[in-house]
Amino acid sequence: MAERIIMGIDPGTQVTGYGLIACQGKQMRLLACGSIHLGKQEVSHPQKLKKIFQRISSLVEAYSPTEMALEAPFYGKNAQSMLKLGRAQGVAMAAGMEQGMAIFEYAPRKIKSAITGNGSASKEQVARVLKTMLKFEEDPKYLDATDGLAVAVCHFFQNNPKAPGKKHKDWASFISQNPNRVKGDK
């Protein structure tokens, strides 16, 4: 089975988080995790978008991911903030699509639930579970980095029939994908 590289993005207008994982079968390992700092209010929104596009493009060039998963914008009361967040997500998508990557989107609650089992988990809880799951020691300076990593791991779980926690449509599906977990009559 060929190795897949998944890039996860947590788009933001101040900080955009990213994570890259390499996956083979049901195994995954951390490649990179970090954040893109977009500056203070004096930096124009178009300049921030350009920086997101350039940095994501350079990460795509460096790691050659084949899939990109993004956190979908959540619905808030401030339409202006939603618009800016949607633009940030759009330029990240464009950077991936320019390289022919498949693009996927996940709701924030779906991501948290995939990582912790709780769709209302805090950023800190998500980061702790990821540290254990992917065996890394250093805490990122910004939790946006582990949020981006969580998106990649969520995508891995959603698109890997052998991944732990994968839901099965019926017992036959479970048994065929988990023969080592089924005991016969003796």
N, C-alpha and C. Protein backbone atom coordinates (compact mmCIF):
# COMPACT_ATOMS: atom_id res chain seq x y z
N MET A 1 0.84 -1.18 0.00
CA MET A 1 0.00 0.00 0.00
C MET A 1 0.88 1.24 0.00
N ALA A 2 0.58 2.18 -0.86
CA ALA A 2 1.38 3.40 -1.00
C ALA A 2 1.15 4.33 0.19
N GLU A 3 2.16 5.07 0.52
CA GLU A 3 2.06 6.06 1.59
C GLU A 3 1.26 7.27 1.11
N ARG A 4 0.35 7.73 1.96
CA ARG A 4 -0.43 8.94 1.69
C ARG A 4 0.09 10.03 2.60
N ILE A 5 0.11 11.24 2.09
CA ILE A 5 0.46 12.38 2.93
C ILE A 5 -0.74 13.31 2.95
N ILE A 6 -1.22 13.58 4.16
CA ILE A 6 -2.41 14.41 4.35
C ILE A 6 -2.00 15.71 5.02
N MET A 7 -2.47 16.82 4.45
CA MET A 7 -2.25 18.13 5.03
C MET A 7 -3.55 18.61 5.63
N GLY A 8 -3.52 18.99 6.90
CA GLY A 8 -4.69 19.55 7.58
C GLY A 8 -4.49 21.04 7.79
N ILE A 9 -5.55 21.80 7.57
CA ILE A 9 -5.48 23.26 7.71
C ILE A 9 -6.60 23.74 8.62
N ASP A 10 -6.24 24.58 9.58
CA ASP A 10 -7.20 25.31 10.41
C ASP A 10 -7.07 26.78 10.01
N PRO A 11 -7.90 27.22 9.04
CA PRO A 11 -7.74 28.58 8.53
C PRO A 11 -8.13 29.63 9.57
N GLY A 12 -7.40 30.72 9.56
CA GLY A 12 -7.70 31.83 10.46
C GLY A 12 -7.23 33.13 9.86
N THR A 13 -7.80 34.22 10.36
CA THR A 13 -7.42 35.53 9.84
C THR A 13 -6.25 36.14 10.61
N GLN A 14 -5.94 35.59 11.78
CA GLN A 14 -4.78 36.04 12.55
C GLN A 14 -3.68 34.97 12.54
N VAL A 15 -4.09 33.71 12.76
CA VAL A 15 -3.16 32.58 12.76
C VAL A 15 -3.84 31.43 12.01
N THR A 16 -3.13 30.85 11.06
CA THR A 16 -3.61 29.66 10.35
C THR A 16 -2.74 28.49 10.78
N GLY A 17 -3.37 27.44 11.29
CA GLY A 17 -2.63 26.27 11.73
C GLY A 17 -2.57 25.21 10.65
N TYR A 18 -1.49 24.42 10.66
CA TYR A 18 -1.37 23.33 9.69
C TYR A 18 -0.70 22.13 10.34
N GLY A 19 -0.99 20.97 9.78
CA GLY A 19 -0.35 19.73 10.22
C GLY A 19 -0.24 18.80 9.03
N LEU A 20 0.83 18.05 8.97
CA LEU A 20 1.04 17.07 7.90
C LEU A 20 1.36 15.72 8.53
N ILE A 21 0.65 14.70 8.04
CA ILE A 21 0.90 13.34 8.51
C ILE A 21 1.13 12.43 7.32
N ALA A 22 1.97 11.42 7.53
CA ALA A 22 2.19 10.37 6.54
C ALA A 22 1.44 9.14 7.03
N CYS A 23 0.71 8.51 6.12
CA CYS A 23 -0.15 7.37 6.48
C CYS A 23 0.13 6.19 5.58
N GLN A 24 0.20 5.04 6.18
CA GLN A 24 0.33 3.80 5.42
C GLN A 24 -0.47 2.74 6.17
N GLY A 25 -1.49 2.20 5.50
CA GLY A 25 -2.39 1.27 6.18
C GLY A 25 -3.08 1.98 7.32
N LYS A 26 -3.01 1.37 8.53
CA LYS A 26 -3.62 2.03 9.68
C LYS A 26 -2.60 2.78 10.53
N GLN A 27 -1.40 2.94 10.02
CA GLN A 27 -0.34 3.67 10.72
C GLN A 27 -0.26 5.10 10.23
N MET A 28 0.00 6.02 11.15
CA MET A 28 0.24 7.41 10.76
C MET A 28 1.38 7.95 11.60
N ARG A 29 2.11 8.88 11.00
CA ARG A 29 3.21 9.52 11.73
C ARG A 29 3.23 11.00 11.39
N LEU A 30 3.67 11.78 12.35
CA LEU A 30 3.74 13.23 12.21
C LEU A 30 4.91 13.62 11.32
N LEU A 31 4.63 14.48 10.34
CA LEU A 31 5.69 15.04 9.51
C LEU A 31 6.01 16.48 9.93
N ALA A 32 4.96 17.28 10.11
CA ALA A 32 5.17 18.69 10.47
C ALA A 32 3.89 19.23 11.08
N CYS A 33 4.06 20.24 11.91
CA CYS A 33 2.94 20.89 12.57
C CYS A 33 3.39 22.31 12.89
N GLY A 34 2.58 23.30 12.54
CA GLY A 34 2.98 24.66 12.82
C GLY A 34 1.86 25.65 12.53
N SER A 35 2.24 26.91 12.50
CA SER A 35 1.24 27.94 12.27
C SER A 35 1.83 29.07 11.43
N ILE A 36 0.93 29.74 10.74
CA ILE A 36 1.27 30.88 9.90
C ILE A 36 0.71 32.11 10.60
N HIS A 37 1.60 33.00 11.01
CA HIS A 37 1.18 34.21 11.72
C HIS A 37 0.95 35.32 10.71
N LEU A 38 -0.23 35.90 10.78
CA LEU A 38 -0.65 36.82 9.73
C LEU A 38 -0.54 38.29 10.10
N GLY A 39 0.02 38.60 11.21
CA GLY A 39 0.28 40.00 11.54
C GLY A 39 -0.87 40.68 12.24
N LYS A 40 -0.62 41.92 12.55
CA LYS A 40 -1.58 42.74 13.29
C LYS A 40 -2.54 43.43 12.34
N GLN A 41 -3.37 44.26 12.90
CA GLN A 41 -4.41 44.95 12.14
C GLN A 41 -3.85 45.83 11.02
N GLU A 42 -2.63 46.33 11.16
CA GLU A 42 -2.10 47.23 10.12
C GLU A 42 -1.76 46.50 8.81
N VAL A 43 -1.70 45.18 8.85
CA VAL A 43 -1.48 44.41 7.63
C VAL A 43 -2.84 44.22 6.95
N SER A 44 -2.91 44.53 5.68
CA SER A 44 -4.20 44.46 4.98
C SER A 44 -4.65 43.00 4.82
N HIS A 45 -5.95 42.83 4.69
CA HIS A 45 -6.50 41.48 4.51
C HIS A 45 -5.95 40.81 3.24
N PRO A 46 -5.87 41.52 2.10
CA PRO A 46 -5.27 40.88 0.92
C PRO A 46 -3.83 40.42 1.15
N GLN A 47 -3.06 41.18 1.93
CA GLN A 47 -1.68 40.77 2.23
C GLN A 47 -1.66 39.48 3.07
N LYS A 48 -2.60 39.37 4.00
CA LYS A 48 -2.71 38.15 4.81
C LYS A 48 -3.05 36.96 3.92
N LEU A 49 -3.98 37.16 3.00
CA LEU A 49 -4.37 36.07 2.10
C LEU A 49 -3.20 35.63 1.23
N LYS A 50 -2.43 36.59 0.77
CA LYS A 50 -1.25 36.26 -0.04
C LYS A 50 -0.25 35.44 0.77
N LYS A 51 -0.07 35.82 2.04
CA LYS A 51 0.87 35.09 2.90
C LYS A 51 0.39 33.65 3.13
N ILE A 52 -0.91 33.47 3.34
CA ILE A 52 -1.46 32.11 3.51
C ILE A 52 -1.19 31.30 2.25
N PHE A 53 -1.51 31.86 1.10
CA PHE A 53 -1.33 31.15 -0.17
C PHE A 53 0.14 30.76 -0.37
N GLN A 54 1.06 31.70 -0.14
CA GLN A 54 2.48 31.43 -0.34
C GLN A 54 3.01 30.37 0.61
N ARG A 55 2.62 30.46 1.88
CA ARG A 55 3.15 29.50 2.86
C ARG A 55 2.58 28.10 2.62
N ILE A 56 1.28 28.01 2.34
CA ILE A 56 0.68 26.70 2.06
C ILE A 56 1.32 26.11 0.80
N SER A 57 1.53 26.96 -0.22
CA SER A 57 2.18 26.50 -1.46
C SER A 57 3.57 25.96 -1.17
N SER A 58 4.33 26.63 -0.30
CA SER A 58 5.68 26.15 0.00
C SER A 58 5.65 24.84 0.79
N LEU A 59 4.66 24.67 1.66
CA LEU A 59 4.52 23.40 2.39
C LEU A 59 4.13 22.27 1.44
N VAL A 60 3.26 22.57 0.48
CA VAL A 60 2.86 21.57 -0.52
C VAL A 60 4.09 21.16 -1.33
N GLU A 61 4.89 22.13 -1.70
CA GLU A 61 6.10 21.83 -2.47
C GLU A 61 7.09 20.99 -1.65
N ALA A 62 7.22 21.30 -0.37
CA ALA A 62 8.19 20.60 0.48
C ALA A 62 7.77 19.17 0.83
N TYR A 63 6.48 18.94 1.06
CA TYR A 63 6.02 17.63 1.55
C TYR A 63 5.23 16.80 0.53
N SER A 64 4.80 17.40 -0.55
CA SER A 64 4.04 16.72 -1.62
C SER A 64 2.81 15.96 -1.11
N PRO A 65 1.96 16.61 -0.32
CA PRO A 65 0.75 15.91 0.10
C PRO A 65 -0.18 15.67 -1.08
N THR A 66 -0.98 14.62 -0.97
CA THR A 66 -1.94 14.31 -2.04
C THR A 66 -3.35 14.70 -1.65
N GLU A 67 -3.57 14.95 -0.36
CA GLU A 67 -4.90 15.29 0.13
C GLU A 67 -4.80 16.47 1.09
N MET A 68 -5.79 17.34 1.04
CA MET A 68 -5.87 18.47 1.96
C MET A 68 -7.23 18.45 2.63
N ALA A 69 -7.22 18.55 3.94
CA ALA A 69 -8.46 18.63 4.71
C ALA A 69 -8.46 19.96 5.45
N LEU A 70 -9.60 20.63 5.41
CA LEU A 70 -9.72 21.93 6.07
C LEU A 70 -10.87 21.93 7.05
N GLU A 71 -10.70 22.74 8.09
CA GLU A 71 -11.82 22.95 9.00
C GLU A 71 -12.78 23.91 8.32
N ALA A 72 -14.05 23.52 8.26
CA ALA A 72 -15.08 24.36 7.65
C ALA A 72 -15.36 25.53 8.59
N PRO A 73 -15.66 26.69 8.03
CA PRO A 73 -15.99 27.83 8.91
C PRO A 73 -17.24 27.53 9.72
N PHE A 74 -17.22 27.91 10.98
CA PHE A 74 -18.41 27.75 11.81
C PHE A 74 -19.27 29.00 11.63
N TYR A 75 -20.54 28.84 11.86
CA TYR A 75 -21.46 29.95 11.65
C TYR A 75 -21.51 30.83 12.88
N GLY A 76 -21.07 32.07 12.72
CA GLY A 76 -21.07 33.02 13.82
C GLY A 76 -22.03 34.17 13.53
N LYS A 77 -22.05 35.08 14.46
CA LYS A 77 -22.96 36.22 14.32
C LYS A 77 -22.35 37.34 13.49
N ASN A 78 -21.04 37.39 13.38
CA ASN A 78 -20.38 38.47 12.67
C ASN A 78 -20.13 38.07 11.21
N ALA A 79 -20.93 38.60 10.32
CA ALA A 79 -20.84 38.24 8.90
C ALA A 79 -19.49 38.65 8.31
N GLN A 80 -18.94 39.77 8.75
CA GLN A 80 -17.65 40.24 8.23
C GLN A 80 -16.53 39.25 8.58
N SER A 81 -16.55 38.74 9.81
CA SER A 81 -15.55 37.75 10.22
C SER A 81 -15.69 36.46 9.42
N MET A 82 -16.93 36.05 9.21
CA MET A 82 -17.19 34.84 8.41
C MET A 82 -16.65 34.99 6.99
N LEU A 83 -16.86 36.15 6.41
CA LEU A 83 -16.39 36.42 5.06
C LEU A 83 -14.86 36.34 5.00
N LYS A 84 -14.19 36.95 5.95
CA LYS A 84 -12.72 36.93 5.98
C LYS A 84 -12.20 35.51 6.20
N LEU A 85 -12.85 34.76 7.08
CA LEU A 85 -12.43 33.39 7.32
C LEU A 85 -12.64 32.52 6.08
N GLY A 86 -13.74 32.74 5.38
CA GLY A 86 -14.00 32.01 4.14
C GLY A 86 -12.96 32.30 3.07
N ARG A 87 -12.52 33.55 3.02
CA ARG A 87 -11.45 33.90 2.07
C ARG A 87 -10.15 33.18 2.42
N ALA A 88 -9.82 33.15 3.71
CA ALA A 88 -8.59 32.45 4.15
C ALA A 88 -8.67 30.97 3.77
N GLN A 89 -9.83 30.37 3.99
CA GLN A 89 -10.01 28.97 3.61
C GLN A 89 -9.88 28.82 2.09
N GLY A 90 -10.44 29.75 1.35
CA GLY A 90 -10.41 29.68 -0.12
C GLY A 90 -9.01 29.73 -0.69
N VAL A 91 -8.15 30.61 -0.15
CA VAL A 91 -6.79 30.68 -0.69
C VAL A 91 -5.98 29.45 -0.31
N ALA A 92 -6.26 28.87 0.87
CA ALA A 92 -5.58 27.62 1.25
C ALA A 92 -6.00 26.51 0.28
N MET A 93 -7.30 26.45 -0.02
CA MET A 93 -7.79 25.46 -0.98
C MET A 93 -7.15 25.66 -2.35
N ALA A 94 -7.07 26.91 -2.78
CA ALA A 94 -6.49 27.21 -4.10
C ALA A 94 -5.04 26.75 -4.17
N ALA A 95 -4.28 26.92 -3.09
CA ALA A 95 -2.89 26.47 -3.08
C ALA A 95 -2.80 24.96 -3.27
N GLY A 96 -3.72 24.24 -2.66
CA GLY A 96 -3.74 22.78 -2.82
C GLY A 96 -4.24 22.36 -4.19
N MET A 97 -5.30 23.01 -4.66
CA MET A 97 -5.88 22.64 -5.96
C MET A 97 -4.91 22.94 -7.10
N GLU A 98 -4.09 23.97 -6.93
CA GLU A 98 -3.11 24.30 -7.95
C GLU A 98 -2.14 23.13 -8.18
N GLN A 99 -1.94 22.32 -7.14
CA GLN A 99 -1.05 21.16 -7.25
C GLN A 99 -1.82 19.86 -7.47
N GLY A 100 -3.12 19.96 -7.74
CA GLY A 100 -3.92 18.78 -8.05
C GLY A 100 -4.35 17.96 -6.84
N MET A 101 -4.30 18.55 -5.65
CA MET A 101 -4.68 17.83 -4.44
C MET A 101 -6.19 17.67 -4.34
N ALA A 102 -6.63 16.55 -3.77
CA ALA A 102 -8.03 16.36 -3.42
C ALA A 102 -8.29 17.19 -2.16
N ILE A 103 -9.44 17.89 -2.10
CA ILE A 103 -9.76 18.79 -1.00
C ILE A 103 -10.99 18.26 -0.25
N PHE A 104 -10.92 18.28 1.09
CA PHE A 104 -12.01 17.82 1.94
C PHE A 104 -12.25 18.84 3.04
N GLU A 105 -13.48 18.88 3.55
CA GLU A 105 -13.86 19.82 4.59
C GLU A 105 -14.54 19.09 5.74
N TYR A 106 -14.26 19.51 6.97
CA TYR A 106 -14.88 18.90 8.14
C TYR A 106 -15.33 19.99 9.11
N ALA A 107 -16.49 19.77 9.71
CA ALA A 107 -17.02 20.70 10.71
C ALA A 107 -16.17 20.62 11.98
N PRO A 108 -16.04 21.72 12.71
CA PRO A 108 -15.23 21.71 13.93
C PRO A 108 -15.64 20.62 14.92
N ARG A 109 -16.93 20.41 15.13
CA ARG A 109 -17.39 19.38 16.07
C ARG A 109 -17.00 17.98 15.60
N LYS A 110 -17.04 17.75 14.30
CA LYS A 110 -16.67 16.44 13.73
C LYS A 110 -15.19 16.16 14.01
N ILE A 111 -14.36 17.19 13.84
CA ILE A 111 -12.92 17.05 14.06
C ILE A 111 -12.64 16.72 15.52
N LYS A 112 -13.21 17.50 16.44
CA LYS A 112 -13.00 17.27 17.87
C LYS A 112 -13.49 15.89 18.27
N SER A 113 -14.62 15.48 17.75
CA SER A 113 -15.18 14.17 18.06
C SER A 113 -14.29 13.04 17.54
N ALA A 114 -13.73 13.22 16.35
CA ALA A 114 -12.84 12.20 15.77
C ALA A 114 -11.58 12.01 16.60
N ILE A 115 -11.10 13.09 17.21
CA ILE A 115 -9.85 13.03 17.98
C ILE A 115 -10.09 12.60 19.42
N THR A 116 -11.09 13.22 20.07
CA THR A 116 -11.28 13.00 21.51
C THR A 116 -12.51 12.18 21.85
N GLY A 117 -13.43 12.01 20.89
CA GLY A 117 -14.70 11.36 21.19
C GLY A 117 -15.74 12.34 21.71
N ASN A 118 -15.36 13.62 21.81
CA ASN A 118 -16.25 14.66 22.34
C ASN A 118 -16.22 15.86 21.41
N GLY A 119 -17.35 16.14 20.76
CA GLY A 119 -17.44 17.27 19.82
C GLY A 119 -17.32 18.63 20.47
N SER A 120 -17.37 18.68 21.81
CA SER A 120 -17.24 19.95 22.54
C SER A 120 -15.89 20.06 23.25
N ALA A 121 -14.94 19.22 22.90
CA ALA A 121 -13.63 19.23 23.55
C ALA A 121 -12.93 20.57 23.36
N SER A 122 -12.09 20.92 24.32
CA SER A 122 -11.31 22.16 24.23
C SER A 122 -10.10 21.96 23.33
N LYS A 123 -9.50 23.05 22.90
CA LYS A 123 -8.28 22.99 22.10
C LYS A 123 -7.18 22.26 22.87
N GLU A 124 -7.12 22.47 24.17
CA GLU A 124 -6.10 21.83 25.00
C GLU A 124 -6.31 20.31 25.05
N GLN A 125 -7.56 19.87 25.15
CA GLN A 125 -7.85 18.44 25.16
C GLN A 125 -7.44 17.80 23.84
N VAL A 126 -7.76 18.46 22.74
CA VAL A 126 -7.39 17.95 21.41
C VAL A 126 -5.88 17.83 21.32
N ALA A 127 -5.16 18.84 21.77
CA ALA A 127 -3.70 18.83 21.70
C ALA A 127 -3.12 17.68 22.53
N ARG A 128 -3.66 17.45 23.73
CA ARG A 128 -3.16 16.36 24.59
C ARG A 128 -3.35 15.00 23.93
N VAL A 129 -4.52 14.77 23.35
CA VAL A 129 -4.78 13.47 22.70
C VAL A 129 -3.83 13.29 21.51
N LEU A 130 -3.64 14.34 20.72
CA LEU A 130 -2.75 14.25 19.56
C LEU A 130 -1.31 13.96 19.99
N LYS A 131 -0.86 14.58 21.07
CA LYS A 131 0.51 14.33 21.56
C LYS A 131 0.70 12.85 21.89
N THR A 132 -0.31 12.25 22.51
CA THR A 132 -0.24 10.84 22.85
C THR A 132 -0.33 9.97 21.59
N MET A 133 -1.27 10.30 20.74
CA MET A 133 -1.53 9.51 19.53
C MET A 133 -0.34 9.51 18.57
N LEU A 134 0.28 10.69 18.38
CA LEU A 134 1.36 10.81 17.40
C LEU A 134 2.75 10.86 18.05
N LYS A 135 2.77 10.70 19.38
CA LYS A 135 4.03 10.59 20.13
C LYS A 135 5.00 11.75 19.88
N PHE A 136 4.53 12.96 20.14
CA PHE A 136 5.45 14.09 20.09
C PHE A 136 5.46 14.76 21.46
N GLU A 137 6.58 15.33 21.81
CA GLU A 137 6.79 15.86 23.15
C GLU A 137 6.50 17.36 23.26
N GLU A 138 7.01 18.10 22.31
CA GLU A 138 6.99 19.56 22.42
C GLU A 138 5.60 20.13 22.17
N ASP A 139 5.18 21.01 23.05
CA ASP A 139 3.91 21.72 22.85
C ASP A 139 4.12 22.81 21.83
N PRO A 140 3.24 22.89 20.82
CA PRO A 140 3.35 24.00 19.88
C PRO A 140 3.07 25.32 20.60
N LYS A 141 3.65 26.38 20.11
CA LYS A 141 3.46 27.69 20.73
C LYS A 141 2.00 28.13 20.64
N TYR A 142 1.35 27.79 19.54
CA TYR A 142 -0.05 28.16 19.34
C TYR A 142 -0.87 26.88 19.12
N LEU A 143 -2.04 26.80 19.74
CA LEU A 143 -2.89 25.63 19.58
C LEU A 143 -3.50 25.54 18.19
N ASP A 144 -3.38 26.59 17.40
CA ASP A 144 -3.84 26.53 16.01
C ASP A 144 -3.06 25.45 15.25
N ALA A 145 -1.81 25.21 15.64
CA ALA A 145 -0.99 24.19 14.99
C ALA A 145 -1.59 22.80 15.24
N THR A 146 -1.93 22.49 16.49
CA THR A 146 -2.53 21.19 16.76
C THR A 146 -3.95 21.11 16.20
N ASP A 147 -4.62 22.25 16.07
CA ASP A 147 -5.94 22.24 15.41
C ASP A 147 -5.79 21.83 13.94
N GLY A 148 -4.78 22.35 13.26
CA GLY A 148 -4.52 21.94 11.87
C GLY A 148 -4.17 20.47 11.78
N LEU A 149 -3.37 20.00 12.72
CA LEU A 149 -3.01 18.58 12.78
C LEU A 149 -4.25 17.72 13.03
N ALA A 150 -5.14 18.18 13.88
CA ALA A 150 -6.38 17.45 14.17
C ALA A 150 -7.23 17.26 12.91
N VAL A 151 -7.23 18.26 12.04
CA VAL A 151 -8.00 18.16 10.79
C VAL A 151 -7.43 17.03 9.93
N ALA A 152 -6.10 16.95 9.84
CA ALA A 152 -5.46 15.88 9.06
C ALA A 152 -5.77 14.51 9.64
N VAL A 153 -5.70 14.37 10.96
CA VAL A 153 -5.96 13.09 11.61
C VAL A 153 -7.44 12.71 11.45
N CYS A 154 -8.33 13.67 11.58
CA CYS A 154 -9.76 13.42 11.36
C CYS A 154 -9.98 12.88 9.94
N HIS A 155 -9.33 13.49 8.97
CA HIS A 155 -9.48 13.03 7.59
C HIS A 155 -8.96 11.59 7.44
N PHE A 156 -7.84 11.30 8.07
CA PHE A 156 -7.29 9.94 8.04
C PHE A 156 -8.32 8.95 8.59
N PHE A 157 -8.91 9.26 9.74
CA PHE A 157 -9.91 8.36 10.33
C PHE A 157 -11.14 8.22 9.45
N GLN A 158 -11.57 9.28 8.81
CA GLN A 158 -12.78 9.24 7.98
C GLN A 158 -12.57 8.50 6.66
N ASN A 159 -11.35 8.44 6.19
CA ASN A 159 -11.07 7.88 4.87
C ASN A 159 -10.11 6.71 4.90
N ASN A 160 -10.13 5.96 6.00
CA ASN A 160 -9.26 4.81 6.12
C ASN A 160 -10.05 3.69 6.79
N PRO A 161 -10.50 2.70 6.03
CA PRO A 161 -11.33 1.65 6.61
C PRO A 161 -10.64 0.85 7.71
N LYS A 162 -9.32 0.91 7.80
CA LYS A 162 -8.60 0.14 8.81
C LYS A 162 -8.24 0.99 10.03
N ALA A 163 -8.61 2.27 10.01
CA ALA A 163 -8.25 3.16 11.11
C ALA A 163 -9.06 2.84 12.36
N PRO A 164 -8.47 3.05 13.54
CA PRO A 164 -9.23 2.82 14.76
C PRO A 164 -10.41 3.77 14.84
N GLY A 165 -11.51 3.30 15.37
CA GLY A 165 -12.67 4.16 15.53
C GLY A 165 -13.54 4.29 14.29
N LYS A 166 -13.20 3.62 13.22
CA LYS A 166 -13.99 3.70 11.99
C LYS A 166 -15.32 3.02 12.20
N LYS A 167 -16.39 3.67 11.80
CA LYS A 167 -17.73 3.10 11.90
C LYS A 167 -17.96 2.14 10.74
N HIS A 168 -18.73 1.10 10.99
CA HIS A 168 -19.03 0.11 9.97
C HIS A 168 -20.52 0.13 9.71
N LYS A 169 -20.90 -0.15 8.47
CA LYS A 169 -22.32 -0.08 8.11
C LYS A 169 -23.09 -1.28 8.65
N ASP A 170 -22.41 -2.41 8.85
CA ASP A 170 -23.07 -3.60 9.37
C ASP A 170 -22.02 -4.56 9.94
N TRP A 171 -22.49 -5.65 10.58
CA TRP A 171 -21.58 -6.62 11.18
C TRP A 171 -20.68 -7.29 10.15
N ALA A 172 -21.20 -7.57 8.98
CA ALA A 172 -20.39 -8.22 7.94
C ALA A 172 -19.20 -7.35 7.58
N SER A 173 -19.42 -6.05 7.49
CA SER A 173 -18.33 -5.11 7.18
C SER A 173 -17.29 -5.12 8.29
N PHE A 174 -17.75 -5.09 9.55
CA PHE A 174 -16.84 -5.12 10.69
C PHE A 174 -16.00 -6.40 10.68
N ILE A 175 -16.65 -7.54 10.50
CA ILE A 175 -15.95 -8.83 10.53
C ILE A 175 -14.94 -8.94 9.39
N SER A 176 -15.32 -8.48 8.19
CA SER A 176 -14.39 -8.59 7.06
C SER A 176 -13.16 -7.71 7.24
N GLN A 177 -13.31 -6.60 7.94
CA GLN A 177 -12.18 -5.68 8.13
C GLN A 177 -11.42 -5.92 9.44
N ASN A 178 -11.95 -6.79 10.29
CA ASN A 178 -11.32 -7.07 11.58
C ASN A 178 -11.32 -8.56 11.90
N PRO A 179 -10.78 -9.42 11.02
CA PRO A 179 -10.84 -10.86 11.27
C PRO A 179 -10.11 -11.27 12.55
N ASN A 180 -9.10 -10.53 12.95
CA ASN A 180 -8.34 -10.86 14.15
C ASN A 180 -9.09 -10.54 15.43
N ARG A 181 -10.21 -9.84 15.35
CA ARG A 181 -10.98 -9.47 16.53
C ARG A 181 -12.21 -10.35 16.73
N VAL A 182 -12.39 -11.33 15.86
CA VAL A 182 -13.56 -12.20 15.92
C VAL A 182 -13.13 -13.58 16.40
N LYS A 183 -13.80 -14.07 17.44
CA LYS A 183 -13.47 -15.40 17.98
C LYS A 183 -14.57 -16.37 17.56
N GLY A 184 -14.14 -17.53 17.12
CA GLY A 184 -15.09 -18.57 16.72
C GLY A 184 -15.53 -19.41 17.89
N ASP A 185 -16.55 -20.24 17.69
CA ASP A 185 -17.02 -21.17 18.71
C ASP A 185 -16.00 -22.27 18.91
N LYS A 186 -15.73 -22.66 20.13
CA LYS A 186 -14.77 -23.71 20.42
C LYS A 186 -15.37 -24.67 21.38
